[in-house]
PDB file of N, CA and C in Angstrom:
ATOM      1  N   MET A   1      14.951 -48.670   9.961  1.00  0.00           N
ATOM      2  CA  MET A   1      15.110 -47.584  10.892  1.00  0.00           C
ATOM      3  C   MET A   1      13.805 -47.312  11.611  1.00  0.00           C
ATOM      4  N   ARG A   2      12.690 -47.460  10.872  1.00  0.00           N
ATOM      5  CA  ARG A   2      11.326 -47.216  11.513  1.00  0.00           C
ATOM      6  C   ARG A   2      11.065 -48.272  12.623  1.00  0.00           C
ATOM      7  N   ALA A   3      11.448 -49.564  12.369  1.00  0.00           N
ATOM      8  CA  ALA A   3      11.325 -50.571  13.428  1.00  0.00           C
ATOM      9  C   ALA A   3      12.196 -50.291  14.596  1.00  0.00           C
ATOM     10  N   HIS A   4      13.413 -49.775  14.376  1.00  0.00           N
ATOM     11  CA  HIS A   4      14.274 -49.427  15.481  1.00  0.00           C
ATOM     12  C   HIS A   4      13.695 -48.299  16.271  1.00  0.00           C
ATOM     13  N   ARG A   5      13.194 -47.288  15.634  1.00  0.00           N
ATOM     14  CA  ARG A   5      12.545 -46.135  16.237  1.00  0.00           C
ATOM     15  C   ARG A   5      11.360 -46.571  17.102  1.00  0.00           C
ATOM     16  N   THR A   6      10.537 -47.475  16.587  1.00  0.00           N
ATOM     17  CA  THR A   6       9.451 -47.981  17.368  1.00  0.00           C
ATOM     18  C   THR A   6       9.971 -48.688  18.630  1.00  0.00           C
ATOM     19  N   ALA A   7      10.965 -49.557  18.443  1.00  0.00           N
ATOM     20  CA  ALA A   7      11.485 -50.279  19.638  1.00  0.00           C
ATOM     21  C   ALA A   7      12.113 -49.276  20.601  1.00  0.00           C
ATOM     22  N   GLN A   8      12.755 -48.246  20.153  1.00  0.00           N
ATOM     23  CA  GLN A   8      13.315 -47.244  20.985  1.00  0.00           C
ATOM     24  C   GLN A   8      12.304 -46.485  21.813  1.00  0.00           C
ATOM     25  N   LEU A   9      11.163 -46.185  21.167  1.00  0.00           N
ATOM     26  CA  LEU A   9      10.095 -45.516  21.848  1.00  0.00           C
ATOM     27  C   LEU A   9       9.513 -46.418  22.916  1.00  0.00           C
ATOM     28  N   GLU A  10       9.452 -47.723  22.660  1.00  0.00           N
ATOM     29  CA  GLU A  10       8.968 -48.663  23.703  1.00  0.00           C
ATOM     30  C   GLU A  10       9.983 -48.718  24.887  1.00  0.00           C
ATOM     31  N   GLU A  11      11.297 -48.712  24.591  1.00  0.00           N
ATOM     32  CA  GLU A  11      12.306 -48.628  25.627  1.00  0.00           C
ATOM     33  C   GLU A  11      12.200 -47.388  26.424  1.00  0.00           C
ATOM     34  N   ARG A  12      11.910 -46.275  25.773  1.00  0.00           N
ATOM     35  CA  ARG A  12      11.662 -44.989  26.480  1.00  0.00           C
ATOM     36  C   ARG A  12      10.528 -45.038  27.483  1.00  0.00           C
ATOM     37  N   LEU A  13       9.460 -45.666  27.030  1.00  0.00           N
ATOM     38  CA  LEU A  13       8.279 -45.798  27.872  1.00  0.00           C
ATOM     39  C   LEU A  13       8.631 -46.718  29.160  1.00  0.00           C
ATOM     40  N   ARG A  14       9.313 -47.794  28.878  1.00  0.00           N
ATOM     41  CA  ARG A  14       9.721 -48.721  29.967  1.00  0.00           C
ATOM     42  C   ARG A  14      10.662 -48.031  30.974  1.00  0.00           C
ATOM     43  N   ALA A  15      11.545 -47.244  30.400  1.00  0.00           N
ATOM     44  CA  ALA A  15      12.483 -46.579  31.280  1.00  0.00           C
ATOM     45  C   ALA A  15      11.913 -45.423  32.132  1.00  0.00           C
ATOM     46  N   GLY A  16      10.738 -44.893  31.630  1.00  0.00           N
ATOM     47  CA  GLY A  16      10.140 -43.773  32.432  1.00  0.00           C
ATOM     48  C   GLY A  16      11.078 -42.613  32.768  1.00  0.00           C
ATOM     49  N   SER A  17      11.120 -42.239  34.013  1.00  0.00           N
ATOM     50  CA  SER A  17      11.909 -41.103  34.388  1.00  0.00           C
ATOM     51  C   SER A  17      13.379 -41.369  34.326  1.00  0.00           C
ATOM     52  N   GLU A  18      13.809 -42.653  34.183  1.00  0.00           N
ATOM     53  CA  GLU A  18      15.240 -42.982  34.065  1.00  0.00           C
ATOM     54  C   GLU A  18      15.755 -42.672  32.648  1.00  0.00           C
ATOM     55  N   TRP A  19      14.917 -42.492  31.687  1.00  0.00           N
ATOM     56  CA  TRP A  19      15.340 -42.198  30.302  1.00  0.00           C
ATOM     57  C   TRP A  19      16.154 -40.995  30.231  1.00  0.00           C
ATOM     58  N   GLN A  20      17.246 -40.978  29.540  1.00  0.00           N
ATOM     59  CA  GLN A  20      18.080 -39.789  29.270  1.00  0.00           C
ATOM     60  C   GLN A  20      18.033 -39.502  27.827  1.00  0.00           C
ATOM     61  N   ASP A  21      17.304 -38.336  27.464  1.00  0.00           N
ATOM     62  CA  ASP A  21      17.237 -38.123  26.017  1.00  0.00           C
ATOM     63  C   ASP A  21      18.427 -37.305  25.596  1.00  0.00           C
ATOM     64  N   ASN A  22      19.289 -37.912  24.794  1.00  0.00           N
ATOM     65  CA  ASN A  22      20.457 -37.322  24.298  1.00  0.00           C
ATOM     66  C   ASN A  22      20.398 -37.171  22.746  1.00  0.00           C
ATOM     67  N   GLY A  23      19.135 -37.441  22.159  1.00  0.00           N
ATOM     68  CA  GLY A  23      19.026 -37.240  20.774  1.00  0.00           C
ATOM     69  C   GLY A  23      19.822 -38.288  19.920  1.00  0.00           C
ATOM     70  N   LEU A  24      20.088 -39.439  20.534  1.00  0.00           N
ATOM     71  CA  LEU A  24      20.905 -40.457  19.852  1.00  0.00           C
ATOM     72  C   LEU A  24      19.988 -41.479  19.194  1.00  0.00           C
ATOM     73  N   VAL A  25      20.440 -42.102  18.144  1.00  0.00           N
ATOM     74  CA  VAL A  25      19.668 -43.051  17.440  1.00  0.00           C
ATOM     75  C   VAL A  25      19.856 -44.504  18.124  1.00  0.00           C
ATOM     76  N   PHE A  26      21.123 -44.784  18.501  1.00  0.00           N
ATOM     77  CA  PHE A  26      21.425 -46.086  19.114  1.00  0.00           C
ATOM     78  C   PHE A  26      21.811 -45.777  20.569  1.00  0.00           C
ATOM     79  N   THR A  27      21.159 -46.432  21.477  1.00  0.00           N
ATOM     80  CA  THR A  27      21.447 -46.054  22.904  1.00  0.00           C
ATOM     81  C   THR A  27      21.309 -47.397  23.779  1.00  0.00           C
ATOM     82  N   GLN A  28      21.680 -47.243  24.999  1.00  0.00           N
ATOM     83  CA  GLN A  28      21.330 -48.253  25.965  1.00  0.00           C
ATOM     84  C   GLN A  28      19.808 -48.189  26.214  1.00  0.00           C
ATOM     85  N   PRO A  29      19.265 -49.168  26.909  1.00  0.00           N
ATOM     86  CA  PRO A  29      17.808 -49.147  27.165  1.00  0.00           C
ATOM     87  C   PRO A  29      17.360 -47.965  28.013  1.00  0.00           C
ATOM     88  N   ASN A  30      18.265 -47.180  28.659  1.00  0.00           N
ATOM     89  CA  ASN A  30      17.809 -46.007  29.372  1.00  0.00           C
ATOM     90  C   ASN A  30      18.119 -44.727  28.643  1.00  0.00           C
ATOM     91  N   GLY A  31      18.527 -44.792  27.347  1.00  0.00           N
ATOM     92  CA  GLY A  31      18.746 -43.607  26.548  1.00  0.00           C
ATOM     93  C   GLY A  31      20.240 -43.087  26.627  1.00  0.00           C
ATOM     94  N   LYS A  32      20.990 -43.666  27.498  1.00  0.00           N
ATOM     95  CA  LYS A  32      22.406 -43.240  27.605  1.00  0.00           C
ATOM     96  C   LYS A  32      23.202 -43.731  26.431  1.00  0.00           C
ATOM     97  N   PRO A  33      24.291 -43.076  26.051  1.00  0.00           N
ATOM     98  CA  PRO A  33      25.106 -43.505  24.866  1.00  0.00           C
ATOM     99  C   PRO A  33      25.638 -44.940  25.126  1.00  0.00           C
ATOM    100  N   VAL A  34      25.738 -45.648  24.081  1.00  0.00           N
ATOM    101  CA  VAL A  34      26.253 -46.972  24.125  1.00  0.00           C
ATOM    102  C   VAL A  34      27.778 -46.873  24.467  1.00  0.00           C
ATOM    103  N   ASP A  35      28.191 -47.751  25.437  1.00  0.00           N
ATOM    104  CA  ASP A  35      29.569 -47.779  25.814  1.00  0.00           C
ATOM    105  C   ASP A  35      30.412 -48.389  24.720  1.00  0.00           C
ATOM    106  N   PRO A  36      31.275 -47.652  24.107  1.00  0.00           N
ATOM    107  CA  PRO A  36      32.026 -48.232  22.929  1.00  0.00           C
ATOM    108  C   PRO A  36      32.758 -49.539  23.216  1.00  0.00           C
ATOM    109  N   ARG A  37      33.306 -49.644  24.447  1.00  0.00           N
ATOM    110  CA  ARG A  37      34.079 -50.925  24.799  1.00  0.00           C
ATOM    111  C   ARG A  37      33.074 -52.079  24.859  1.00  0.00           C
ATOM    112  N   ALA A  38      31.990 -51.861  25.458  1.00  0.00           N
ATOM    113  CA  ALA A  38      30.959 -52.923  25.563  1.00  0.00           C
ATOM    114  C   ALA A  38      30.466 -53.305  24.210  1.00  0.00           C
ATOM    115  N   ASP A  39      30.231 -52.271  23.368  1.00  0.00           N
ATOM    116  CA  ASP A  39      29.792 -52.546  21.987  1.00  0.00           C
ATOM    117  C   ASP A  39      30.810 -53.351  21.213  1.00  0.00           C
ATOM    118  N   ASN A  40      32.089 -53.019  21.368  1.00  0.00           N
ATOM    119  CA  ASN A  40      33.144 -53.758  20.719  1.00  0.00           C
ATOM    120  C   ASN A  40      33.231 -55.190  21.226  1.00  0.00           C
ATOM    121  N   ARG A  41      33.027 -55.402  22.513  1.00  0.00           N
ATOM    122  CA  ARG A  41      33.113 -56.704  23.072  1.00  0.00           C
ATOM    123  C   ARG A  41      31.902 -57.538  22.486  1.00  0.00           C
ATOM    124  N   ALA A  42      30.774 -56.970  22.481  1.00  0.00           N
ATOM    125  CA  ALA A  42      29.593 -57.663  21.903  1.00  0.00           C
ATOM    126  C   ALA A  42      29.793 -58.037  20.418  1.00  0.00           C
ATOM    127  N   TRP A  43      30.417 -57.144  19.675  1.00  0.00           N
ATOM    128  CA  TRP A  43      30.668 -57.338  18.205  1.00  0.00           C
ATOM    129  C   TRP A  43      31.649 -58.526  18.089  1.00  0.00           C
ATOM    130  N   LYS A  44      32.727 -58.518  18.925  1.00  0.00           N
ATOM    131  CA  LYS A  44      33.697 -59.631  18.819  1.00  0.00           C
ATOM    132  C   LYS A  44      33.031 -60.965  19.165  1.00  0.00           C
ATOM    133  N   ALA A  45      32.231 -60.961  20.233  1.00  0.00           N
ATOM    134  CA  ALA A  45      31.513 -62.193  20.611  1.00  0.00           C
ATOM    135  C   ALA A  45      30.581 -62.666  19.405  1.00  0.00           C
ATOM    136  N   LEU A  46      29.893 -61.725  18.818  1.00  0.00           N
ATOM    137  CA  LEU A  46      29.026 -62.101  17.755  1.00  0.00           C
ATOM    138  C   LEU A  46      29.768 -62.755  16.582  1.00  0.00           C
ATOM    139  N   LEU A  47      30.917 -62.152  16.222  1.00  0.00           N
ATOM    140  CA  LEU A  47      31.731 -62.680  15.142  1.00  0.00           C
ATOM    141  C   LEU A  47      32.256 -64.100  15.523  1.00  0.00           C
ATOM    142  N   ARG A  48      32.751 -64.225  16.729  1.00  0.00           N
ATOM    143  CA  ARG A  48      33.262 -65.555  17.186  1.00  0.00           C
ATOM    144  C   ARG A  48      32.147 -66.626  17.190  1.00  0.00           C
ATOM    145  N   ASP A  49      30.960 -66.286  17.728  1.00  0.00           N
ATOM    146  CA  ASP A  49      29.856 -67.211  17.726  1.00  0.00           C
ATOM    147  C   ASP A  49      29.376 -67.604  16.413  1.00  0.00           C
ATOM    148  N   ALA A  50      29.460 -66.652  15.410  1.00  0.00           N
ATOM    149  CA  ALA A  50      28.942 -66.879  14.071  1.00  0.00           C
ATOM    150  C   ALA A  50      30.027 -67.665  13.263  1.00  0.00           C
ATOM    151  N   GLY A  51      31.268 -67.743  13.815  1.00  0.00           N
ATOM    152  CA  GLY A  51      32.303 -68.420  13.070  1.00  0.00           C
ATOM    153  C   GLY A  51      32.850 -67.556  11.881  1.00  0.00           C
ATOM    154  N   VAL A  52      32.753 -66.171  12.050  1.00  0.00           N
ATOM    155  CA  VAL A  52      33.148 -65.228  11.024  1.00  0.00           C
ATOM    156  C   VAL A  52      34.537 -64.680  11.422  1.00  0.00           C
ATOM    157  N   ARG A  53      35.329 -64.484  10.420  1.00  0.00           N
ATOM    158  CA  ARG A  53      36.673 -63.825  10.739  1.00  0.00           C
ATOM    159  C   ARG A  53      36.537 -62.547  11.460  1.00  0.00           C
ATOM    160  N   ASP A  54      37.599 -62.201  12.256  1.00  0.00           N
ATOM    161  CA  ASP A  54      37.568 -61.025  13.004  1.00  0.00           C
ATOM    162  C   ASP A  54      37.616 -59.766  12.020  1.00  0.00           C
ATOM    163  N   ALA A  55      36.867 -58.745  12.441  1.00  0.00           N
ATOM    164  CA  ALA A  55      36.848 -57.504  11.720  1.00  0.00           C
ATOM    165  C   ALA A  55      36.499 -56.363  12.616  1.00  0.00           C
ATOM    166  N   ARG A  56      36.951 -55.154  12.250  1.00  0.00           N
ATOM    167  CA  ARG A  56      36.645 -54.054  13.109  1.00  0.00           C
ATOM    168  C   ARG A  56      35.160 -53.668  12.891  1.00  0.00           C
ATOM    169  N   LEU A  57      34.557 -53.283  14.028  1.00  0.00           N
ATOM    170  CA  LEU A  57      33.178 -52.880  13.948  1.00  0.00           C
ATOM    171  C   LEU A  57      33.035 -51.578  13.097  1.00  0.00           C
ATOM    172  N   HIS A  58      34.021 -50.668  13.208  1.00  0.00           N
ATOM    173  CA  HIS A  58      33.948 -49.468  12.405  1.00  0.00           C
ATOM    174  C   HIS A  58      33.868 -49.724  10.953  1.00  0.00           C
ATOM    175  N   ASP A  59      34.614 -50.774  10.476  1.00  0.00           N
ATOM    176  CA  ASP A  59      34.636 -51.159   9.107  1.00  0.00           C
ATOM    177  C   ASP A  59      33.258 -51.628   8.643  1.00  0.00           C
ATOM    178  N   ALA A  60      32.659 -52.497   9.478  1.00  0.00           N
ATOM    179  CA  ALA A  60      31.317 -53.008   9.177  1.00  0.00           C
ATOM    180  C   ALA A  60      30.300 -51.865   9.158  1.00  0.00           C
ATOM    181  N   ARG A  61      30.358 -50.929  10.068  1.00  0.00           N
ATOM    182  CA  ARG A  61      29.451 -49.816  10.034  1.00  0.00           C
ATOM    183  C   ARG A  61      29.605 -48.927   8.788  1.00  0.00           C
ATOM    184  N   THR A  62      30.886 -48.676   8.359  1.00  0.00           N
ATOM    185  CA  THR A  62      31.145 -47.962   7.176  1.00  0.00           C
ATOM    186  C   THR A  62      30.554 -48.621   5.960  1.00  0.00           C
ATOM    187  N   ARG A  63      30.783 -49.920   5.904  1.00  0.00           N
ATOM    188  CA  ARG A  63      30.273 -50.647   4.701  1.00  0.00           C
ATOM    189  C   ARG A  63      28.704 -50.633   4.692  1.00  0.00           C
ATOM    190  N   LEU A  64      28.141 -50.845   5.858  1.00  0.00           N
ATOM    191  CA  LEU A  64      26.638 -50.813   5.960  1.00  0.00           C
ATOM    192  C   LEU A  64      26.082 -49.422   5.524  1.00  0.00           C
ATOM    193  N   ARG A  65      26.745 -48.381   6.013  1.00  0.00           N
ATOM    194  CA  ARG A  65      26.283 -46.942   5.568  1.00  0.00           C
ATOM    195  C   ARG A  65      26.424 -46.861   4.131  1.00  0.00           C
ATOM    196  N   ARG A  66      27.475 -47.228   3.552  1.00  0.00           N
ATOM    197  CA  ARG A  66      27.639 -47.084   2.063  1.00  0.00           C
ATOM    198  C   ARG A  66      26.600 -47.896   1.322  1.00  0.00           C
ATOM    199  N   CYS A  67      26.313 -49.072   1.779  1.00  0.00           N
ATOM    200  CA  CYS A  67      25.392 -49.956   1.200  1.00  0.00           C
ATOM    201  C   CYS A  67      23.937 -49.325   1.212  1.00  0.00           C
ATOM    202  N   CYS A  68      23.628 -48.910   2.454  1.00  0.00           N
ATOM    203  CA  CYS A  68      22.306 -48.290   2.623  1.00  0.00           C
ATOM    204  C   CYS A  68      22.167 -46.964   1.761  1.00  0.00           C
ATOM    205  N   PHE A  69      23.182 -46.206   1.797  1.00  0.00           N
ATOM    206  CA  PHE A  69      23.129 -44.901   1.058  1.00  0.00           C
ATOM    207  C   PHE A  69      23.041 -45.223  -0.449  1.00  0.00           C
ATOM    208  N   SER A  70      23.832 -46.195  -0.909  1.00  0.00           N
ATOM    209  CA  SER A  70      23.792 -46.559  -2.269  1.00  0.00           C
ATOM    210  C   SER A  70      22.389 -47.022  -2.713  1.00  0.00           C
ATOM    211  N   LYS A  71      21.822 -47.869  -1.853  1.00  0.00           N
ATOM    212  CA  LYS A  71      20.473 -48.392  -2.137  1.00  0.00           C
ATOM    213  C   LYS A  71      19.444 -47.290  -2.168  1.00  0.00           C
ATOM    214  N   ALA A  72      19.542 -46.338  -1.179  1.00  0.00           N
ATOM    215  CA  ALA A  72      18.534 -45.255  -1.116  1.00  0.00           C
ATOM    216  C   ALA A  72      18.763 -44.362  -2.312  1.00  0.00           C
ATOM    217  N   SER A  73      19.928 -44.180  -2.746  1.00  0.00           N
ATOM    218  CA  SER A  73      20.180 -43.276  -3.963  1.00  0.00           C
ATOM    219  C   SER A  73      19.570 -43.920  -5.202  1.00  0.00           C
ATOM    220  N   THR A  74      19.598 -45.204  -5.326  1.00  0.00           N
ATOM    221  CA  THR A  74      19.084 -45.840  -6.542  1.00  0.00           C
ATOM    222  C   THR A  74      17.549 -46.060  -6.530  1.00  0.00           C
ATOM    223  N   THR A  75      16.950 -46.042  -5.337  1.00  0.00           N
ATOM    224  CA  THR A  75      15.488 -46.257  -5.202  1.00  0.00           C
ATOM    225  C   THR A  75      14.817 -44.953  -5.030  1.00  0.00           C
ATOM    226  N   GLY A  76      15.572 -43.824  -4.721  1.00  0.00           N
ATOM    227  CA  GLY A  76      14.945 -42.536  -4.565  1.00  0.00           C
ATOM    228  C   GLY A  76      14.353 -42.350  -3.205  1.00  0.00           C
ATOM    229  N   SER A  77      14.770 -43.231  -2.245  1.00  0.00           N
ATOM    230  CA  SER A  77      14.232 -43.122  -0.867  1.00  0.00           C
ATOM    231  C   SER A  77      14.872 -42.052  -0.107  1.00  0.00           C
TER     232      SER A  77
END
């Protein structure tokens, strides 16, 4: 998350006055919310290109959150 935050701050600088601060963690390069349809299309393309079976992006996010929360709980982070 720290690396993502650093990258987002760099995007914010590049966007200048075009940046829209919505307090979001994941955004388009101009700070606007990610379009869920475009996000889903990119996810499906990623799965197809990787030769991985189709899965809902929501399910992957849920599993990732559970994994990260579980790891943080055991490490005390």
